[in-house]
Amino acid sequence: MIVSNIFTTFACKITKCIMSLTRHLTYLLLCLLLASCGYTTRWHEAHATIAIADSLDQNEHVLYDDTAALQQAIRTLDNPFGRLFAHNQFGKAHYYMGRHLSLAGQITQAAMHYIAADRAQICDPIYRGRINSCLAHISKQNESDSLALIFFLRANEAFKESGKDWYYAHTLLDVSEFHTYLHHFAQADSVLSIAHSYELDEYYLARYYETKGLYFYEQLQYDSALYYFHQALDLWQYEEDRLYTYKKLMQVYLDMGDQVSALPYAQIIVEHSATPNELVNAYYCLMQDAKANNDIELLSRYAHARQDANRLLNAQVGKYRGALTLLKEHLANPHPYRWVWITLLCLIVACLLLVIAIVLHRRYAATSLQVAHHQIDDLSARMEVQATEYQEEKRVYDFNAMLADIRSTCPKPRKQWNDYNILKKDLDTQLNDWFSQLEQLHLSNRENVFCVFMLVYPSASLEELADWMHYSATGVSTFKRRIAQKIGVSTRELQKYLYDLRQLPQ
């Protein structure tokens, strides 16, 4: 008993706490709702901005250039609500900002946006693949081959999920390239075999041959490397696409000790390339040629040019160094907000469970009350039905008793009953309501008399009816059929219809 009282007291206190918490949460949500009027406008503006950026990207292949609008979209969505319910738009805004910053040479800032976009986990695998490709290229510029391979593998998986062969096939070449740089030749060959099964366009085929050439070059198989690099060179449409191939051909010939064959490619690179890494290698080749020809002036000019290219290369590496640190931290901790989200989710679930418990309790109480009311209503309805059935049975019994009383007094109709007025006067006391219903059928007096005879004497034959009505049997049959047609029933149903007139509404 004591334990029961303690439990009851504790339950009451818990219930009061829950009710208080519910009221406070409701008040808080109301305040947030009122305060969010301005935020709602910014929310719609952020969604509209990303929709425009997506349209330009997908339909016109143009990068959305309103960076101020992108930054505003990021600020609007950079909160738990935006990260949870608008993670696609939030991630895309970061992706587009990252591309702008990459083009502006702000690599560290671009990496921060790409990482934020990656952590948003956009549903569209194409965007996830693009983001990881951007992270891979940043790693590539830092000459971090192992890091670049990780991001290219992630991009490749995303593109495979998308079902877009163009994206998937190209990242297969990227994956094979970096397996090659790391001397994972078996993996590189396996991936190249898959890539070879795709026949997209000349650009893709040129990339395939170039990657194949690199595969053999890293294994010091120079003849095979030269073959595939030349195959790629024949397929490239634009000079800027050929520059990397020129560089690799130059390197192959230099490694083979063929300075003369390497020299034309070095000259082309110097004339057309603005990439510091390519220029450093090309000027080295030209310096070696000038040294072999004892051309001191030309050697000095190439040496100074190579120093300038080296300074540009070092400056470029410096731009990417900070980004590389961020990428490594990202891989070590890809979901920094995971525990925050888990905690928030647990709190939300706990609140929902409390609210559900209260609602269910109240609903149960209300349902119990409704059930009691329904039971009372059902009982009342059954009693009414029973009362109605009793009254009907009583009416039937009384009606049949009256008909039996008439038949006992008059076993057959009196002669004067052929006059409807006399008939009604004699039987009006017993059949008053029934006469009222009969007269609503608008029959003739003669027909009314026939109907009374059929009601009072249900066992009478046609011959008896004919005798009472002073008709022939055939005439009575015709008379009966005509009455049934007027009423709208069959002759077989006529007698039952006349009997049921007693219960028709007045």
Protein backbone atom coordinates (compact mmCIF):
# COMPACT_ATOMS: atom_id res chain seq x y z
CA MET A 1 0.00 0.00 0.00
CA ILE A 2 2.83 2.37 0.94
CA VAL A 3 4.72 1.48 -2.24
CA SER A 4 1.60 2.11 -4.30
CA ASN A 5 1.13 5.57 -2.75
CA ILE A 6 4.76 6.47 -3.39
CA PHE A 7 4.47 5.35 -7.02
CA THR A 8 1.27 7.33 -7.47
CA THR A 9 2.88 10.47 -6.03
CA PHE A 10 5.92 10.03 -8.27
CA ALA A 11 3.77 9.50 -11.35
CA CYS A 12 1.81 12.67 -10.59
CA LYS A 13 5.01 14.70 -10.27
CA ILE A 14 6.36 13.28 -13.55
CA THR A 15 3.09 14.09 -15.30
CA LYS A 16 3.21 17.68 -14.02
CA CYS A 17 6.81 18.03 -15.23
CA ILE A 18 5.89 16.69 -18.66
CA MET A 19 2.96 19.07 -18.93
CA SER A 20 5.15 22.00 -17.91
CA LEU A 21 7.84 21.01 -20.41
CA THR A 22 5.26 20.67 -23.16
CA ARG A 23 3.90 24.15 -22.44
CA HIS A 24 7.39 25.66 -22.48
CA LEU A 25 8.30 23.86 -25.73
CA THR A 26 5.09 25.04 -27.33
CA TYR A 27 5.83 28.59 -26.25
CA LEU A 28 9.37 28.34 -27.57
CA LEU A 29 8.22 26.98 -30.94
CA LEU A 30 5.65 29.78 -31.16
CA CYS A 31 8.34 32.38 -30.49
CA LEU A 32 10.61 30.82 -33.09
CA LEU A 33 7.77 30.77 -35.59
CA LEU A 34 7.05 34.45 -35.04
CA ALA A 35 10.73 35.32 -35.23
CA SER A 36 11.26 33.35 -38.40
CA CYS A 37 9.15 35.52 -40.67
CA GLY A 38 12.22 37.30 -42.03
CA TYR A 39 14.20 34.08 -42.10
CA THR A 40 11.51 32.42 -44.22
CA THR A 41 12.02 35.06 -46.90
CA ARG A 42 15.79 34.54 -46.88
CA TRP A 43 15.21 30.77 -46.96
CA HIS A 44 13.19 31.05 -50.18
CA GLU A 45 15.77 33.42 -51.67
CA ALA A 46 18.55 30.92 -50.91
CA HIS A 47 16.61 28.12 -52.62
CA ALA A 48 15.94 30.36 -55.64
CA THR A 49 19.65 31.24 -55.92
CA ILE A 50 20.71 27.59 -55.99
CA ALA A 51 17.94 26.76 -58.48
CA ILE A 52 19.32 29.41 -60.88
CA ALA A 53 22.89 28.15 -60.37
CA ASP A 54 21.78 24.57 -61.08
CA SER A 55 19.92 25.62 -64.22
CA LEU A 56 22.94 27.49 -65.61
CA ASP A 57 25.25 24.60 -64.74
CA GLN A 58 23.10 21.81 -66.19
CA ASN A 59 21.54 23.53 -69.21
CA GLU A 60 24.12 26.11 -70.32
CA HIS A 61 27.27 24.73 -68.64
CA VAL A 62 27.96 28.16 -67.20
CA LEU A 63 29.14 28.91 -63.65
CA TYR A 64 26.72 31.13 -61.70
CA ASP A 65 28.67 34.37 -61.14
CA ASP A 66 26.72 36.10 -58.35
CA THR A 67 29.08 35.21 -55.51
CA ALA A 68 27.32 37.65 -53.15
CA ALA A 69 24.06 35.72 -53.56
CA LEU A 70 25.90 32.44 -53.00
CA GLN A 71 27.48 33.77 -49.80
CA GLN A 72 24.09 34.97 -48.59
CA ALA A 73 22.61 31.52 -49.31
CA ILE A 74 25.41 29.90 -47.30
CA ARG A 75 24.83 32.25 -44.36
CA THR A 76 21.08 31.60 -44.46
CA LEU A 77 21.42 27.81 -44.52
CA ASP A 78 24.41 27.52 -42.16
CA ASN A 79 22.42 26.37 -39.14
CA PRO A 80 21.06 23.05 -37.85
CA PHE A 81 17.72 23.64 -39.55
CA GLY A 82 19.30 24.41 -42.93
CA ARG A 83 21.89 21.61 -42.68
CA LEU A 84 19.15 19.12 -41.87
CA PHE A 85 16.33 20.16 -44.20
CA ALA A 86 18.23 21.92 -47.02
CA HIS A 87 21.52 20.02 -47.11
CA ASN A 88 21.37 19.73 -50.92
CA GLN A 89 21.13 23.49 -51.44
CA PHE A 90 23.67 24.13 -48.67
CA GLY A 91 26.19 21.75 -50.23
CA LYS A 92 25.68 23.11 -53.76
CA ALA A 93 26.18 26.71 -52.57
CA HIS A 94 29.55 25.70 -51.08
CA TYR A 95 30.48 23.80 -54.26
CA TYR A 96 29.78 26.77 -56.54
CA MET A 97 31.68 29.12 -54.20
CA GLY A 98 34.60 26.70 -54.20
CA ARG A 99 34.76 26.78 -57.98
CA HIS A 100 34.80 30.59 -58.02
CA LEU A 101 37.60 30.71 -55.45
CA SER A 102 39.59 28.07 -57.36
CA LEU A 103 39.40 30.16 -60.52
CA ALA A 104 40.55 33.19 -58.48
CA GLY A 105 43.56 31.26 -57.16
CA GLN A 106 42.31 31.23 -53.55
CA ILE A 107 42.92 27.54 -53.13
CA THR A 108 42.77 27.23 -49.34
CA GLN A 109 39.43 29.05 -49.21
CA ALA A 110 38.19 26.96 -52.12
CA ALA A 111 39.18 23.78 -50.27
CA MET A 112 37.20 24.92 -47.21
CA HIS A 113 34.09 25.28 -49.36
CA TYR A 114 34.62 21.93 -51.12
CA ILE A 115 35.01 20.23 -47.74
CA ALA A 116 31.81 21.87 -46.47
CA ALA A 117 30.05 20.72 -49.64
CA ASP A 118 31.35 17.17 -49.15
CA ARG A 119 30.18 17.09 -45.54
CA ALA A 120 26.70 18.24 -46.60
CA GLN A 121 26.29 14.88 -48.41
CA ILE A 122 24.28 16.07 -51.40
CA CYS A 123 21.80 13.44 -52.60
CA ASP A 124 22.75 13.85 -56.27
CA PRO A 125 25.78 11.56 -56.88
CA ILE A 126 26.94 13.74 -59.79
CA TYR A 127 27.60 16.64 -57.42
CA ARG A 128 29.26 14.35 -54.88
CA GLY A 129 31.51 13.07 -57.64
CA ARG A 130 32.37 16.60 -58.82
CA ILE A 131 33.19 17.75 -55.28
CA ASN A 132 35.55 14.81 -54.69
CA SER A 133 37.14 15.39 -58.11
CA CYS A 134 37.85 19.01 -57.10
CA LEU A 135 39.42 17.79 -53.84
CA ALA A 136 41.46 15.28 -55.85
CA HIS A 137 42.79 17.99 -58.20
CA ILE A 138 43.86 20.12 -55.24
CA SER A 139 45.74 17.09 -53.90
CA LYS A 140 47.22 16.52 -57.37
CA GLN A 141 48.60 20.05 -57.49
CA ASN A 142 50.29 19.38 -54.14
CA GLU A 143 51.84 16.25 -55.70
CA SER A 144 50.14 14.21 -53.00
CA ASP A 145 49.38 11.16 -55.13
CA SER A 146 48.01 8.98 -52.34
CA LEU A 147 45.56 11.70 -51.24
CA ALA A 148 44.50 12.38 -54.81
CA LEU A 149 43.84 8.66 -55.34
CA ILE A 150 41.55 8.54 -52.29
CA PHE A 151 39.41 11.41 -53.57
CA PHE A 152 39.36 10.08 -57.15
CA LEU A 153 38.17 6.70 -55.84
CA ARG A 154 35.37 8.44 -53.95
CA ALA A 155 34.45 10.44 -57.04
CA ASN A 156 34.49 7.26 -59.13
CA GLU A 157 32.07 5.50 -56.76
CA ALA A 158 29.69 8.49 -56.84
CA PHE A 159 29.74 8.66 -60.64
CA LYS A 160 29.17 4.91 -60.84
CA GLU A 161 26.09 5.37 -58.63
CA SER A 162 24.82 8.12 -60.98
CA GLY A 163 24.81 5.81 -63.99
CA LYS A 164 26.49 8.51 -66.14
CA ASP A 165 29.10 6.71 -68.23
CA TRP A 166 30.97 9.86 -69.26
CA TYR A 167 31.79 10.86 -65.70
CA TYR A 168 32.45 7.31 -64.53
CA ALA A 169 34.77 6.43 -67.43
CA HIS A 170 36.88 9.58 -67.07
CA THR A 171 37.42 9.03 -63.35
CA LEU A 172 38.47 5.46 -64.15
CA LEU A 173 41.37 7.02 -66.06
CA ASP A 174 42.14 9.30 -63.10
CA VAL A 175 42.15 6.34 -60.71
CA SER A 176 44.41 4.34 -63.02
CA GLU A 177 46.77 7.32 -63.41
CA PHE A 178 47.33 7.68 -59.68
CA HIS A 179 47.65 3.95 -59.13
CA THR A 180 50.41 4.19 -61.72
CA TYR A 181 52.14 7.12 -59.95
CA LEU A 182 52.10 5.03 -56.75
CA HIS A 183 53.41 2.01 -58.69
CA HIS A 184 50.27 -0.03 -58.04
CA PHE A 185 50.63 -1.48 -61.51
CA ALA A 186 48.29 -4.43 -61.09
CA GLN A 187 45.46 -2.14 -59.91
CA ALA A 188 46.23 0.39 -62.62
CA ASP A 189 46.07 -2.30 -65.32
CA SER A 190 42.78 -3.68 -63.93
CA VAL A 191 41.14 -0.24 -63.96
CA LEU A 192 42.48 0.49 -67.47
CA SER A 193 40.85 -2.74 -68.69
CA ILE A 194 37.48 -1.48 -67.45
CA ALA A 195 38.10 1.97 -68.95
CA HIS A 196 38.96 0.39 -72.32
CA SER A 197 35.41 -1.01 -72.57
CA TYR A 198 33.96 2.51 -72.93
CA GLU A 199 33.86 4.15 -76.35
CA LEU A 200 32.82 7.75 -75.78
CA ASP A 201 34.60 10.22 -78.07
CA GLU A 202 38.05 11.17 -79.40
CA TYR A 203 38.78 13.24 -76.29
CA TYR A 204 38.20 10.23 -74.05
CA LEU A 205 40.23 7.95 -76.33
CA ALA A 206 43.12 10.45 -76.30
CA ARG A 207 43.02 10.47 -72.49
CA TYR A 208 42.96 6.67 -72.48
CA TYR A 209 46.07 6.46 -74.70
CA GLU A 210 47.82 9.10 -72.60
CA THR A 211 47.07 7.15 -69.38
CA LYS A 212 48.22 3.93 -71.06
CA GLY A 213 51.47 5.65 -72.09
CA LEU A 214 52.02 6.82 -68.50
CA TYR A 215 51.43 3.23 -67.31
CA PHE A 216 54.28 1.95 -69.49
CA TYR A 217 56.54 4.97 -68.83
CA GLU A 218 56.47 4.43 -65.07
CA GLN A 219 57.53 0.82 -65.70
CA LEU A 220 60.43 2.07 -67.92
CA GLN A 221 58.89 0.47 -71.00
CA TYR A 222 59.77 3.44 -73.19
CA ASP A 223 58.89 2.03 -76.61
CA SER A 224 55.32 1.19 -75.52
CA ALA A 225 55.04 4.53 -73.75
CA LEU A 226 56.11 6.40 -76.93
CA TYR A 227 53.57 4.46 -78.99
CA TYR A 228 50.61 5.39 -76.80
CA PHE A 229 51.72 9.01 -76.28
CA HIS A 230 51.90 9.47 -80.05
CA GLN A 231 48.46 7.84 -80.40
CA ALA A 232 47.07 10.40 -77.94
CA LEU A 233 48.87 13.26 -79.74
CA ASP A 234 47.10 12.40 -83.00
CA LEU A 235 43.69 12.55 -81.35
CA TRP A 236 43.95 15.81 -79.39
CA GLN A 237 42.04 18.64 -81.09
CA TYR A 238 43.46 21.63 -79.23
CA GLU A 239 47.04 22.65 -78.55
CA GLU A 240 46.46 23.15 -74.80
CA ASP A 241 45.36 19.49 -74.58
CA ARG A 242 48.61 18.37 -76.22
CA LEU A 243 50.95 20.17 -73.80
CA TYR A 244 50.90 17.44 -71.14
CA THR A 245 51.55 14.81 -73.82
CA TYR A 246 54.43 16.94 -75.17
CA LYS A 247 55.90 17.01 -71.67
CA LYS A 248 55.68 13.21 -71.30
CA LEU A 249 57.21 12.62 -74.75
CA MET A 250 60.04 14.98 -73.84
CA GLN A 251 60.61 13.09 -70.57
CA VAL A 252 60.63 9.70 -72.33
CA TYR A 253 63.24 10.85 -74.87
CA LEU A 254 65.36 12.45 -72.14
CA ASP A 255 65.26 9.24 -70.11
CA MET A 256 66.28 7.34 -73.23
CA GLY A 257 69.21 9.77 -73.72
CA ASP A 258 67.76 11.10 -76.98
CA GLN A 259 68.24 14.85 -76.49
CA VAL A 260 67.62 15.65 -80.14
CA SER A 261 64.14 14.06 -80.17
CA ALA A 262 63.21 15.71 -76.86
CA LEU A 263 64.21 19.22 -77.97
CA PRO A 264 61.21 20.03 -80.30
CA TYR A 265 58.72 19.18 -77.56
CA ALA A 266 60.56 21.41 -75.09
CA GLN A 267 60.40 24.31 -77.55
CA ILE A 268 56.66 23.84 -78.11
CA ILE A 269 56.02 23.81 -74.34
CA VAL A 270 57.99 27.04 -73.84
CA GLU A 271 56.03 28.72 -76.64
CA HIS A 272 52.53 27.66 -75.61
CA SER A 273 52.44 26.61 -71.94
CA ALA A 274 51.85 28.81 -68.90
CA THR A 275 52.07 25.94 -66.41
CA PRO A 276 55.15 26.35 -64.17
CA ASN A 277 55.72 22.60 -63.78
CA GLU A 278 55.81 22.05 -67.54
CA LEU A 279 58.04 25.11 -68.10
CA VAL A 280 60.59 24.00 -65.48
CA ASN A 281 61.02 20.66 -67.24
CA ALA A 282 61.11 22.22 -70.72
CA TYR A 283 63.74 24.81 -69.78
CA TYR A 284 65.87 22.04 -68.26
CA CYS A 285 65.82 20.25 -71.63
CA LEU A 286 66.72 23.48 -73.47
CA MET A 287 69.52 24.18 -70.98
CA GLN A 288 71.00 20.75 -71.63
CA ASP A 289 70.95 21.40 -75.37
CA ALA A 290 72.54 24.85 -74.98
CA LYS A 291 75.21 23.35 -72.72
CA ALA A 292 75.93 20.61 -75.28
CA ASN A 293 76.33 23.27 -77.98
CA ASN A 294 78.45 25.47 -75.67
CA ASP A 295 76.02 28.36 -76.14
CA ILE A 296 76.70 30.28 -72.91
CA GLU A 297 74.34 33.18 -73.70
CA LEU A 298 71.43 30.88 -74.50
CA LEU A 299 72.23 28.72 -71.47
CA SER A 300 72.09 31.80 -69.21
CA ARG A 301 68.78 32.93 -70.72
CA TYR A 302 67.20 29.51 -70.22
CA ALA A 303 68.58 29.28 -66.69
CA HIS A 304 67.01 32.63 -65.71
CA ALA A 305 63.73 31.62 -67.33
CA ARG A 306 63.81 28.32 -65.42
CA GLN A 307 64.40 30.23 -62.14
CA ASP A 308 61.33 32.38 -62.88
CA ALA A 309 59.27 29.25 -63.57
CA ASN A 310 60.55 27.69 -60.34
CA ARG A 311 59.50 30.77 -58.36
CA LEU A 312 56.02 30.53 -59.89
CA LEU A 313 55.94 26.83 -59.10
CA ASN A 314 56.97 27.42 -55.48
CA ALA A 315 54.35 30.16 -55.13
CA GLN A 316 51.73 27.80 -56.54
CA VAL A 317 52.77 25.04 -54.16
CA GLY A 318 52.52 27.54 -51.32
CA LYS A 319 48.93 28.29 -52.32
CA TYR A 320 48.06 24.62 -52.14
CA ARG A 321 50.00 23.79 -48.94
CA GLY A 322 47.31 25.15 -46.59
CA ALA A 323 44.62 23.38 -48.59
CA LEU A 324 46.49 20.09 -48.28
CA THR A 325 46.43 20.33 -44.47
CA LEU A 326 42.67 20.90 -44.58
CA LEU A 327 42.14 17.88 -46.83
CA LYS A 328 44.10 15.60 -44.52
CA GLU A 329 42.08 16.84 -41.53
CA HIS A 330 38.89 16.27 -43.50
CA LEU A 331 39.76 12.66 -44.21
CA ALA A 332 40.70 12.11 -40.57
CA ASN A 333 37.44 13.64 -39.37
CA PRO A 334 34.89 13.67 -42.22
CA HIS A 335 31.87 14.27 -39.95
CA PRO A 336 32.87 16.77 -37.23
CA TYR A 337 29.25 17.53 -36.34
CA ARG A 338 28.15 13.90 -36.06
CA TRP A 339 27.85 13.85 -32.27
CA VAL A 340 26.13 17.23 -32.26
CA TRP A 341 23.57 15.89 -34.70
CA ILE A 342 23.15 12.66 -32.77
CA THR A 343 22.61 14.56 -29.54
CA LEU A 344 20.15 16.94 -31.20
CA LEU A 345 18.32 14.06 -32.81
CA CYS A 346 18.08 12.21 -29.48
CA LEU A 347 16.64 15.32 -27.83
CA ILE A 348 14.11 15.75 -30.61
CA VAL A 349 13.12 12.09 -30.41
CA ALA A 350 12.79 12.32 -26.62
CA CYS A 351 10.54 15.37 -26.89
CA LEU A 352 8.46 13.70 -29.57
CA LEU A 353 8.06 10.60 -27.43
CA LEU A 354 6.93 12.74 -24.50
CA VAL A 355 4.42 14.57 -26.64
CA ILE A 356 3.20 11.29 -28.15
CA ALA A 357 2.80 9.78 -24.67
CA ILE A 358 0.73 12.75 -23.52
CA VAL A 359 -1.38 12.72 -26.66
CA LEU A 360 -1.96 8.98 -26.41
CA HIS A 361 -2.90 9.31 -22.73
CA ARG A 362 -5.40 12.06 -23.48
CA ARG A 363 -6.70 10.19 -26.50
CA TYR A 364 -7.14 7.06 -24.39
CA ALA A 365 -9.09 8.98 -21.79
CA ALA A 366 -11.22 10.64 -24.45
CA THR A 367 -11.70 7.31 -26.20
CA SER A 368 -12.79 5.63 -22.98
CA LEU A 369 -15.34 8.39 -22.42
CA GLN A 370 -16.53 8.10 -26.00
CA VAL A 371 -16.86 4.34 -25.64
CA ALA A 372 -19.00 4.80 -22.54
CA HIS A 373 -21.19 7.32 -24.37
CA HIS A 374 -21.44 4.98 -27.35
CA GLN A 375 -22.43 2.10 -25.11
CA ILE A 376 -25.15 4.22 -23.53
CA ASP A 377 -26.32 5.38 -26.96
CA ASP A 378 -26.31 1.80 -28.27
CA LEU A 379 -28.34 0.64 -25.27
CA SER A 380 -30.83 3.46 -25.79
CA ALA A 381 -31.05 2.66 -29.51
CA ARG A 382 -31.65 -1.04 -28.81
CA MET A 383 -34.36 -0.16 -26.29
CA GLU A 384 -36.01 2.11 -28.84
CA VAL A 385 -35.83 -0.61 -31.47
CA GLN A 386 -37.31 -3.13 -29.08
CA ALA A 387 -40.07 -0.69 -28.15
CA THR A 388 -40.79 -0.05 -31.82
CA GLU A 389 -40.83 -3.77 -32.57
CA TYR A 390 -43.17 -4.33 -29.63
CA GLN A 391 -45.51 -1.60 -30.83
CA GLU A 392 -45.49 -3.04 -34.33
CA GLU A 393 -46.20 -6.52 -33.06
CA LYS A 394 -49.00 -5.12 -30.94
CA ARG A 395 -50.43 -3.28 -33.94
CA VAL A 396 -50.29 -6.43 -36.05
CA TYR A 397 -51.93 -8.42 -33.30
CA ASP A 398 -54.65 -5.78 -32.80
CA PHE A 399 -55.26 -5.51 -36.56
CA ASN A 400 -55.53 -9.25 -37.00
CA ALA A 401 -57.81 -9.42 -33.97
CA MET A 402 -60.08 -6.79 -35.49
CA LEU A 403 -60.23 -8.68 -38.80
CA ALA A 404 -60.98 -11.92 -36.95
CA ASP A 405 -63.71 -10.17 -34.95
CA ILE A 406 -65.35 -8.90 -38.18
CA ARG A 407 -65.25 -12.39 -39.70
CA SER A 408 -66.75 -13.95 -36.57
CA THR A 409 -69.60 -11.42 -36.60
CA CYS A 410 -70.09 -11.59 -40.40
CA PRO A 411 -68.76 -14.86 -41.87
CA LYS A 412 -69.56 -13.41 -45.25
CA PRO A 413 -70.29 -9.83 -46.38
CA ARG A 414 -73.71 -8.39 -45.86
CA LYS A 415 -75.68 -7.64 -49.00
CA GLN A 416 -75.83 -3.89 -48.25
CA TRP A 417 -71.99 -3.83 -48.11
CA ASN A 418 -71.95 -3.64 -51.90
CA ASP A 419 -72.59 0.02 -51.15
CA TYR A 420 -69.16 1.43 -50.13
CA ASN A 421 -70.59 4.14 -47.92
CA ILE A 422 -72.59 1.61 -45.86
CA LEU A 423 -69.59 -0.72 -45.74
CA LYS A 424 -67.31 2.06 -44.47
CA LYS A 425 -69.90 3.15 -41.91
CA ASP A 426 -70.26 -0.39 -40.53
CA LEU A 427 -66.51 -1.08 -40.32
CA ASP A 428 -65.19 2.42 -39.73
CA THR A 429 -64.73 1.81 -36.01
CA GLN A 430 -62.43 -1.15 -36.54
CA LEU A 431 -60.69 -0.04 -39.81
CA ASN A 432 -60.70 3.75 -39.61
CA ASP A 433 -56.95 4.25 -40.36
CA TRP A 434 -57.01 1.59 -43.02
CA PHE A 435 -59.93 3.26 -44.88
CA SER A 436 -57.97 6.51 -44.89
CA GLN A 437 -55.02 4.80 -46.59
CA LEU A 438 -57.29 3.00 -49.07
CA GLU A 439 -58.96 6.22 -50.19
CA GLN A 440 -55.55 7.70 -51.00
CA LEU A 441 -55.28 5.18 -53.84
CA HIS A 442 -58.08 7.04 -55.67
CA LEU A 443 -60.04 3.94 -56.66
CA SER A 444 -63.74 3.83 -57.46
CA ASN A 445 -66.26 2.91 -54.74
CA ARG A 446 -66.83 -0.46 -56.40
CA GLU A 447 -63.11 -1.12 -56.42
CA ASN A 448 -62.84 -0.03 -52.77
CA VAL A 449 -65.56 -2.57 -51.86
CA PHE A 450 -63.61 -5.33 -53.62
CA CYS A 451 -60.43 -4.37 -51.74
CA VAL A 452 -62.27 -4.50 -48.36
CA PHE A 453 -63.60 -7.97 -49.19
CA MET A 454 -60.08 -9.17 -50.07
CA LEU A 455 -58.72 -7.76 -46.79
CA VAL A 456 -61.39 -9.04 -44.47
CA TYR A 457 -61.84 -12.42 -46.23
CA PRO A 458 -58.32 -13.38 -47.42
CA SER A 459 -59.32 -17.06 -47.89
CA ALA A 460 -62.24 -16.28 -50.18
CA SER A 461 -62.11 -17.87 -53.64
CA LEU A 462 -62.81 -16.07 -56.91
CA GLU A 463 -66.21 -17.75 -57.07
CA GLU A 464 -67.12 -16.44 -53.61
CA LEU A 465 -65.91 -12.95 -54.47
CA ALA A 466 -67.89 -13.14 -57.72
CA ASP A 467 -71.02 -14.13 -55.82
CA TRP A 468 -70.63 -11.31 -53.33
CA MET A 469 -69.89 -8.74 -56.03
CA HIS A 470 -72.60 -10.13 -58.40
CA TYR A 471 -69.95 -10.75 -61.10
CA SER A 472 -68.87 -13.77 -63.00
CA ALA A 473 -65.63 -15.46 -61.95
CA THR A 474 -63.96 -14.20 -65.15
CA GLY A 475 -65.23 -10.72 -64.53
CA VAL A 476 -63.91 -10.73 -60.97
CA SER A 477 -60.49 -11.87 -62.20
CA THR A 478 -60.41 -9.01 -64.72
CA PHE A 479 -61.62 -6.60 -62.06
CA LYS A 480 -58.86 -7.70 -59.71
CA ARG A 481 -56.19 -7.32 -62.41
CA ARG A 482 -57.36 -3.79 -63.24
CA ILE A 483 -57.14 -2.74 -59.58
CA ALA A 484 -53.61 -4.21 -59.30
CA GLN A 485 -52.52 -2.26 -62.40
CA LYS A 486 -53.88 0.99 -60.98
CA ILE A 487 -52.00 0.47 -57.73
CA GLY A 488 -48.80 -0.68 -59.48
CA VAL A 489 -48.49 -4.25 -58.15
CA SER A 490 -49.11 -7.74 -59.49
CA THR A 491 -52.38 -9.56 -58.81
CA ARG A 492 -50.44 -12.01 -56.66
CA GLU A 493 -49.09 -9.16 -54.50
CA LEU A 494 -52.39 -7.27 -54.26
CA GLN A 495 -53.71 -8.91 -51.09
CA LYS A 496 -50.42 -8.40 -49.18
CA TYR A 497 -50.32 -4.79 -50.36
CA LEU A 498 -53.83 -4.16 -49.00
CA TYR A 499 -52.86 -5.76 -45.68
CA ASP A 500 -49.74 -3.55 -45.42
CA LEU A 501 -51.75 -0.34 -45.98
CA ARG A 502 -52.21 -0.17 -42.22
CA GLN A 503 -48.52 0.71 -41.67
CA LEU A 504 -48.04 3.20 -44.48
CA PRO A 505 -47.47 6.84 -43.40
CA GLN A 506 -50.52 9.03 -43.30
